[in-house]
Protein backbone atom coordinates (compact mmCIF):
# COMPACT_ATOMS: atom_id res chain seq x y z
CA UNK A 1 -121.32 149.78 167.73
CA UNK A 2 -122.18 150.21 163.68
CA UNK A 3 -119.44 151.86 162.02
CA UNK A 4 -120.90 154.65 159.07
CA UNK A 5 -119.44 156.69 156.47
CA UNK A 6 -119.93 159.65 154.76
CA UNK A 7 -118.20 161.46 151.84
CA UNK A 8 -118.40 164.97 150.85
CA UNK A 9 -116.02 168.05 149.38
CA UNK A 10 -115.42 170.01 152.34
CA UNK A 11 -117.31 171.73 155.17
CA UNK A 12 -117.48 175.39 153.94
CA UNK A 13 -120.56 177.46 154.89
CA UNK A 14 -123.76 176.21 152.85
CA UNK A 15 -127.12 174.23 153.04
CA UNK A 16 -125.79 171.12 152.11
CA UNK A 17 -122.67 171.49 154.58
CA UNK A 18 -124.87 172.39 157.51
CA UNK A 19 -127.23 169.62 157.05
CA UNK A 20 -124.57 167.20 156.93
CA UNK A 21 -122.74 168.65 160.27
CA UNK A 22 -126.40 168.83 161.80
CA UNK A 23 -127.28 164.91 160.72
CA UNK A 24 -123.42 163.22 161.60
CA UNK A 25 -123.45 165.39 164.96
CA UNK A 26 -127.10 163.67 165.52
CA UNK A 27 -126.08 160.36 165.05
CA UNK A 28 -122.84 160.74 167.47
CA UNK A 29 -124.96 162.08 170.39
CA UNK A 30 -126.60 158.54 170.10
CA UNK A 31 -123.60 156.69 170.87
CA UNK A 32 -124.77 153.93 168.48
CA UNK A 33 -122.37 154.61 165.91
CA UNK A 34 -118.65 154.81 165.11
CA UNK A 35 -118.76 157.76 162.30
CA UNK A 36 -115.83 158.83 159.93
CA UNK A 37 -116.06 161.51 157.12
CA UNK A 38 -114.05 161.53 153.75
CA UNK A 39 -113.64 165.06 152.34
CA UNK A 40 -112.09 166.10 149.06
CA UNK A 41 -110.54 168.75 150.92
CA UNK A 42 -110.29 168.71 154.79
CA UNK A 43 -111.25 172.33 155.18
CA UNK A 44 -114.00 174.71 156.13
CA UNK A 45 -115.29 176.72 158.82
CA UNK A 46 -117.95 173.77 159.75
CA UNK A 47 -115.00 171.17 160.88
CA UNK A 48 -115.10 173.35 164.32
CA UNK A 49 -118.73 172.06 164.66
CA UNK A 50 -118.17 168.67 164.39
CA UNK A 51 -118.55 166.11 167.22
CA UNK A 52 -114.83 165.41 168.61
CA UNK A 53 -115.81 161.70 168.04
CA UNK A 54 -116.41 161.84 164.29
CA UNK A 55 -113.27 161.11 162.44
CA UNK A 56 -112.22 163.13 159.37
CA UNK A 57 -109.95 161.54 156.55
CA UNK A 58 -109.17 163.35 153.10
CA UNK A 59 -109.28 161.71 149.98
CA UNK A 60 -108.02 164.35 147.18
CA UNK A 61 -107.87 163.20 143.80
CA UNK A 62 -105.02 163.98 141.62
CA UNK A 63 -105.19 166.81 139.03
CA UNK A 64 -102.40 166.67 137.37
CA UNK A 65 -102.84 168.03 133.63
CA UNK A 66 -101.13 165.45 131.89
CA UNK A 67 -104.34 162.89 131.31
CA UNK A 68 -102.35 159.38 131.17
CA UNK A 69 -100.78 160.53 134.07
CA UNK A 70 -103.51 161.70 136.36
CA UNK A 71 -105.26 158.56 135.26
CA UNK A 72 -102.49 156.47 136.14
CA UNK A 73 -101.99 158.07 139.77
CA UNK A 74 -105.87 158.13 140.40
CA UNK A 75 -106.36 154.35 139.69
CA UNK A 76 -103.34 153.66 142.18
CA UNK A 77 -105.25 155.97 145.15
CA UNK A 78 -108.65 154.03 143.99
CA UNK A 79 -107.05 150.73 144.54
CA UNK A 80 -105.03 151.60 147.75
CA UNK A 81 -108.41 153.27 149.37
CA UNK A 82 -110.22 149.75 148.42
CA UNK A 83 -107.29 147.53 149.99
CA UNK A 84 -107.98 149.51 153.07
CA UNK A 85 -111.41 150.20 153.20
CA UNK A 86 -113.62 148.21 151.04
CA UNK A 87 -116.82 146.92 152.30
CA UNK A 88 -115.37 147.63 156.02
CA UNK A 89 -118.58 149.78 156.94
CA UNK A 90 -121.97 149.12 157.92
CA UNK A 91 -123.48 152.20 156.22
CA UNK A 92 -121.70 154.58 153.67
CA UNK A 93 -123.22 158.05 152.29
CA UNK A 94 -122.02 159.86 149.13
CA UNK A 95 -123.51 163.14 150.66
CA UNK A 96 -122.35 165.87 148.07
CA UNK A 97 -124.47 164.31 144.75
CA UNK A 98 -122.25 165.65 142.32
CA UNK A 99 -119.01 164.62 143.37
CA UNK A 100 -117.57 161.65 141.82
CA UNK A 101 -114.74 160.73 144.40
CA UNK A 102 -117.25 161.05 146.79
CA UNK A 103 -119.24 158.64 145.00
CA UNK A 104 -116.76 156.36 144.64
CA UNK A 105 -115.49 156.42 148.51
CA UNK A 106 -119.21 155.74 149.39
CA UNK A 107 -119.71 152.91 146.89
CA UNK A 108 -116.35 151.00 148.05
CA UNK A 109 -116.83 151.81 151.56
CA UNK A 110 -119.96 149.76 152.15
CA UNK A 111 -122.55 147.00 150.72
CA UNK A 112 -125.05 149.44 152.00
CA UNK A 113 -124.07 152.60 150.39
CA UNK A 114 -126.56 155.61 149.39
CA UNK A 115 -126.58 158.66 147.38
CA UNK A 116 -128.03 161.68 148.82
CA UNK A 117 -129.46 164.22 146.47
CA UNK A 118 -129.92 167.24 147.48
CA UNK A 119 -130.85 169.53 144.29
CA UNK A 120 -133.21 169.96 141.54
CA UNK A 121 -131.21 168.78 139.02
CA UNK A 122 -133.39 168.90 136.06
CA UNK A 123 -133.90 172.31 136.60
CA UNK A 124 -130.33 172.90 137.16
CA UNK A 125 -129.65 171.35 133.15
CA UNK A 126 -132.44 173.71 131.95
CA UNK A 127 -134.77 170.59 131.55
CA UNK A 128 -132.57 168.94 129.39
CA UNK A 129 -133.21 165.19 130.37
CA UNK A 130 -130.47 163.73 128.46
CA UNK A 131 -127.91 166.10 130.71
CA UNK A 132 -129.89 164.77 133.46
CA UNK A 133 -129.50 161.22 132.91
CA UNK A 134 -125.56 161.73 132.18
CA UNK A 135 -124.94 163.27 135.64
CA UNK A 136 -126.93 160.86 137.63
CA UNK A 137 -125.02 157.55 135.38
CA UNK A 138 -121.59 159.72 135.87
CA UNK A 139 -122.00 159.29 140.26
CA UNK A 140 -123.06 155.81 139.16
CA UNK A 141 -126.65 156.04 140.86
CA UNK A 142 -127.69 152.71 139.60
CA UNK A 143 -124.30 151.13 141.93
CA UNK A 144 -126.33 152.67 145.37
CA UNK A 145 -128.44 150.61 147.18
CA UNK A 146 -130.22 153.75 147.78
CA UNK A 147 -130.97 157.01 146.67
CA UNK A 148 -132.33 159.66 149.33
CA UNK A 149 -134.01 163.00 147.77
CA UNK A 150 -134.90 165.88 150.32
CA UNK A 151 -137.65 167.03 148.27
CA UNK A 152 -140.69 165.02 146.91
CA UNK A 153 -140.77 167.10 143.93
CA UNK A 154 -136.87 166.08 143.32
CA UNK A 155 -137.98 162.48 143.69
CA UNK A 156 -140.66 162.87 141.44
CA UNK A 157 -138.35 164.22 138.75
CA UNK A 158 -135.98 161.82 138.85
CA UNK A 159 -139.11 158.63 139.17
CA UNK A 160 -140.56 159.92 136.05
CA UNK A 161 -137.25 160.02 133.90
CA UNK A 162 -135.96 156.54 134.78
CA UNK A 163 -139.40 155.23 134.40
CA UNK A 164 -138.15 152.32 132.69
CA UNK A 165 -135.76 151.22 135.09
CA UNK A 166 -137.90 149.46 137.98
CA UNK A 167 -134.99 148.23 139.51
CA UNK A 168 -133.61 151.99 140.22
CA UNK A 169 -137.05 153.73 140.89
CA UNK A 170 -137.42 151.01 144.18
CA UNK A 171 -133.96 152.48 145.50
CA UNK A 172 -135.46 156.01 146.05
CA UNK A 173 -136.80 157.60 148.91
CA UNK A 174 -137.44 160.66 150.97
CA UNK A 175 -135.79 161.95 153.85
CA UNK A 176 -135.77 165.34 154.62
CA UNK A 177 -132.87 167.23 156.37
CA UNK A 178 -132.64 167.31 160.30
CA UNK A 179 -132.62 170.25 162.14
CA UNK A 180 -130.52 170.97 165.69
CA UNK A 181 -133.42 172.88 166.65
CA UNK A 182 -132.15 173.55 170.12
CA UNK A 183 -128.60 174.60 168.98
CA UNK A 184 -130.13 176.85 166.80
CA UNK A 185 -133.03 178.80 169.53
CA UNK A 186 -129.49 178.91 171.46
CA UNK A 187 -127.24 180.49 168.91
CA UNK A 188 -130.42 183.03 167.79
CA UNK A 189 -130.00 184.55 171.06
CA UNK A 190 -126.71 186.13 170.43
CA UNK A 191 -126.04 189.72 169.92
CA UNK A 192 -125.43 191.17 166.33
CA UNK A 193 -122.52 193.33 166.28
CA UNK A 194 -122.48 194.68 162.22
CA UNK A 195 -125.98 195.67 161.77
CA UNK A 196 -128.58 198.02 164.09
CA UNK A 197 -132.17 197.26 163.96
CA UNK A 198 -133.85 199.97 163.05
CA UNK A 199 -137.57 200.44 162.31
CA UNK A 200 -137.27 199.52 158.88
CA UNK A 201 -139.07 196.60 157.20
CA UNK A 202 -136.03 194.14 156.68
CA UNK A 203 -135.63 191.22 154.57
CA UNK A 204 -133.27 188.77 155.16
CA UNK A 205 -131.14 186.48 152.54
CA UNK A 206 -128.62 183.62 153.71
CA UNK A 207 -126.69 181.47 151.32
CA UNK A 208 -124.42 181.16 148.53
CA UNK A 209 -123.86 184.16 145.71
CA UNK A 210 -123.75 181.86 143.10
CA UNK A 211 -126.29 183.19 140.33
CA UNK A 212 -127.08 180.11 138.29
CA UNK A 213 -128.89 178.94 141.27
CA UNK A 214 -129.89 181.75 143.66
CA UNK A 215 -130.58 184.38 141.32
CA UNK A 216 -130.00 187.31 143.50
CA UNK A 217 -130.19 189.70 140.47
CA UNK A 218 -133.66 189.15 140.48
CA UNK A 219 -133.61 190.25 144.42
CA UNK A 220 -132.11 193.47 143.35
CA UNK A 221 -133.54 194.39 140.32
CA UNK A 222 -136.99 193.94 142.86
CA UNK A 223 -135.09 196.42 145.32
CA UNK A 224 -134.58 199.16 142.48
CA UNK A 225 -138.23 198.60 141.79
CA UNK A 226 -139.19 199.30 145.47
CA UNK A 227 -136.87 202.06 145.67
CA UNK A 228 -138.29 203.55 142.75
CA UNK A 229 -141.81 203.45 144.73
CA UNK A 230 -139.88 205.31 147.52
CA UNK A 231 -140.56 202.38 149.93
CA UNK A 232 -138.48 202.30 153.08
CA UNK A 233 -136.44 198.80 153.35
CA UNK A 234 -133.83 197.13 153.71
CA UNK A 235 -131.94 193.82 152.75
CA UNK A 236 -129.57 191.82 155.06
CA UNK A 237 -127.52 189.61 152.45
CA UNK A 238 -125.97 186.95 154.72
CA UNK A 239 -123.16 184.71 152.54
CA UNK A 240 -120.87 185.26 149.70
CA UNK A 241 -119.78 183.29 146.50
CA UNK A 242 -118.32 183.94 142.92
CA UNK A 243 -120.81 186.88 142.05
CA UNK A 244 -120.51 188.82 145.43
CA UNK A 245 -118.44 191.54 143.42
CA UNK A 246 -120.75 191.87 140.93
CA UNK A 247 -123.82 191.74 142.98
CA UNK A 248 -121.82 195.18 144.94
CA UNK A 249 -121.58 196.52 141.43
CA UNK A 250 -124.97 196.34 140.30
CA UNK A 251 -126.08 197.34 144.06
CA UNK A 252 -123.82 200.45 143.48
CA UNK A 253 -124.86 201.01 140.21
CA UNK A 254 -128.59 200.92 141.02
CA UNK A 255 -127.64 203.55 143.82
CA UNK A 256 -129.18 200.66 146.72
CA UNK A 257 -126.37 200.91 148.97
CA UNK A 258 -128.04 202.06 151.69
CA UNK A 259 -131.00 199.42 151.36
CA UNK A 260 -128.77 196.12 150.49
CA UNK A 261 -126.18 195.42 152.92
CA UNK A 262 -123.53 192.74 152.46
CA UNK A 263 -122.81 191.14 155.67
CA UNK A 264 -120.50 188.18 154.47
CA UNK A 265 -120.31 184.94 155.55
CA UNK A 266 -121.38 183.93 158.94
CA UNK A 267 -121.04 180.76 161.08
CA UNK A 268 -123.76 181.91 163.18
CA UNK A 269 -126.85 183.39 160.94
CA UNK A 270 -129.53 183.13 163.41
CA UNK A 271 -129.41 186.20 165.34
CA UNK A 272 -130.34 187.76 161.78
CA UNK A 273 -133.06 185.42 161.67
CA UNK A 274 -134.43 187.79 165.19
CA UNK A 275 -133.83 191.28 163.67
CA UNK A 276 -135.49 190.71 160.18
CA UNK A 277 -138.94 190.83 159.56
CA UNK A 278 -139.30 187.94 156.43
CA UNK A 279 -137.09 185.69 154.87
CA UNK A 280 -136.59 186.06 150.99
CA UNK A 281 -135.39 183.39 148.53
CA UNK A 282 -135.33 184.60 144.86
CA UNK A 283 -134.10 181.11 143.52
CA UNK A 284 -134.14 179.22 140.23
CA UNK A 285 -133.98 175.85 142.05
CA UNK A 286 -133.44 174.22 145.34
CA UNK A 287 -133.18 170.95 147.04
CA UNK A 288 -134.68 171.34 150.17
CA UNK A 289 -133.50 174.85 151.48
CA UNK A 290 -132.14 174.31 154.76
CA UNK A 291 -133.09 178.23 155.38
CA UNK A 292 -136.95 177.26 155.58
CA UNK A 293 -136.36 175.16 158.58
CA UNK A 294 -134.55 177.75 160.48
CA UNK A 295 -137.05 180.25 159.31
CA UNK A 296 -139.97 178.05 160.59
CA UNK A 297 -138.36 177.49 163.91
CA UNK A 298 -137.82 180.84 164.80
CA UNK A 299 -140.75 182.01 163.58
CA UNK A 300 -139.68 184.28 160.58
CA UNK A 301 -142.29 184.37 157.97
CA UNK A 302 -141.05 183.27 154.03
CA UNK A 303 -141.14 184.65 151.14
CA UNK A 304 -139.84 182.39 148.49
CA UNK A 305 -140.13 181.42 144.77
CA UNK A 306 -141.92 178.54 143.70
CA UNK A 307 -138.72 175.88 144.28
CA UNK A 308 -138.35 172.57 145.76
CA UNK A 309 -141.70 171.67 148.14
CA UNK A 310 -142.48 175.44 148.66
CA UNK A 311 -146.16 174.83 147.56
CA UNK A 312 -146.36 172.23 149.95
CA UNK A 313 -144.19 173.39 152.98
CA UNK A 314 -144.53 177.08 152.53
CA UNK A 315 -147.60 178.57 151.08
CA UNK A 316 -150.78 179.24 153.25
CA UNK A 317 -148.42 177.82 156.52
CA UNK A 318 -145.22 180.11 156.63
CA UNK A 319 -145.25 182.67 153.96
CA UNK A 320 -145.56 183.52 150.50
CA UNK A 321 -144.59 181.38 147.05
CA UNK A 322 -143.99 183.75 143.97
CA UNK A 323 -143.06 182.69 140.27
CA UNK A 324 -139.52 182.97 139.53
CA UNK A 325 -139.62 186.84 137.96
CA UNK A 326 -138.70 190.13 139.18
CA UNK A 327 -142.27 191.35 139.23
CA UNK A 328 -143.75 188.77 140.94
CA UNK A 329 -140.78 189.01 143.28
CA UNK A 330 -141.33 192.86 143.66
CA UNK A 331 -145.13 192.51 144.40
CA UNK A 332 -144.60 190.02 147.05
CA UNK A 333 -141.81 192.03 148.53
CA UNK A 334 -144.15 195.32 148.34
CA UNK A 335 -147.23 193.40 150.04
CA UNK A 336 -144.83 192.84 153.19
CA UNK A 337 -144.16 196.10 153.30
CA UNK A 338 -147.28 197.57 153.18
CA UNK A 339 -149.23 194.62 154.92
CA UNK A 340 -146.87 192.26 156.66
CA UNK A 341 -146.38 188.87 155.95
CA UNK A 342 -147.76 186.26 158.44
CA UNK A 343 -147.17 182.73 159.97
CA UNK A 344 -150.40 180.94 160.21
CA UNK A 345 -149.02 177.46 161.68
CA UNK A 346 -146.69 176.53 164.47
CA UNK A 347 -143.83 174.41 163.62
CA UNK A 348 -143.42 171.26 165.64
CA UNK A 349 -139.59 170.64 165.23
CA UNK A 350 -139.64 167.53 168.13
CA UNK A 351 -142.29 165.94 165.51
CA UNK A 352 -140.28 166.85 162.26
CA UNK A 353 -137.26 165.30 163.68
CA UNK A 354 -138.60 162.05 165.13
CA UNK A 355 -140.47 161.30 161.68
CA UNK A 356 -136.70 161.46 160.09
CA UNK A 357 -134.72 159.51 162.42
CA UNK A 358 -137.34 156.88 162.14
CA UNK A 359 -136.44 156.89 158.47
CA UNK A 360 -132.54 157.20 159.03
CA UNK A 361 -132.31 154.22 161.48
CA UNK A 362 -134.38 152.02 158.71
CA UNK A 363 -131.92 153.50 156.12
CA UNK A 364 -128.93 152.49 157.94
CA UNK A 365 -130.25 149.14 159.28
CA UNK A 366 -131.17 147.69 156.26
């Protein structure tokens, strides 16, 4: 039985966390792997969703404000970790791309180490090439055996940026997020207790409330324009974050309290996919949104800004792709309310997962 390790920050609600739990549970069901998860913080509501055979440990760096003391303590912690786990695993993966502790854990645990990249970091850094290169140097991307991207667009940006390092480019590959389709389909059948479906066009947004990437101010401003047009609609927001209160205040200022409903975090958001008329994403950047797959599986049309592989995956198949501005989003939403948005292809999740499984098997057994 192969020993494999994943490292991350926590298992709170989020797209990355959902993808990680799905991946580990999928591998655990194979009965071919002994799986260990090491978190910076052993917390988050998704801990309860983990397969019981997955071992969960904690590696938390010291955060003492006195720099010499912090460095000394962390050096001791690193050495202790290496003594205990150095190359003890057949495969290791730093699943939280941005986490330096996760990077250290994965690189130490196995010679067959992998950095998993979920986001389009070039856009996150405002197309600043120096910041982009610095980011990947700080998580020591070059020291991993493989670098996995969840979208074709993110891989292409990385390859182009590091085009002068052929050895690094050889390490990159694309593996989309697995999905536990059967569980999602089953959970979508549960009833919704905090919202009564009415004969009103209903948009659904699921995700963290962080403005730098999700840009929910665009959604609120588009809703204001729709309301000024006297259109009948609702927007359900499933999730929370550091901007939730600001968004609530903005909604109040615009007089949209009956149009935009804050439902908070949901361990099971899938029933809301069944009562909505379309999914709406107004992001500035994404890796490969897990909600794309969930919507495709649950046959919910998608309205999304042009992020990740949306032009390849969503456009002319599962919904509408818009520009990243309020007016474009408003026009797409107005079209949805007045004319509808339609799915033109049936999503074959079994074929989708099979292709990913083959890539995972190859990666783990390299």
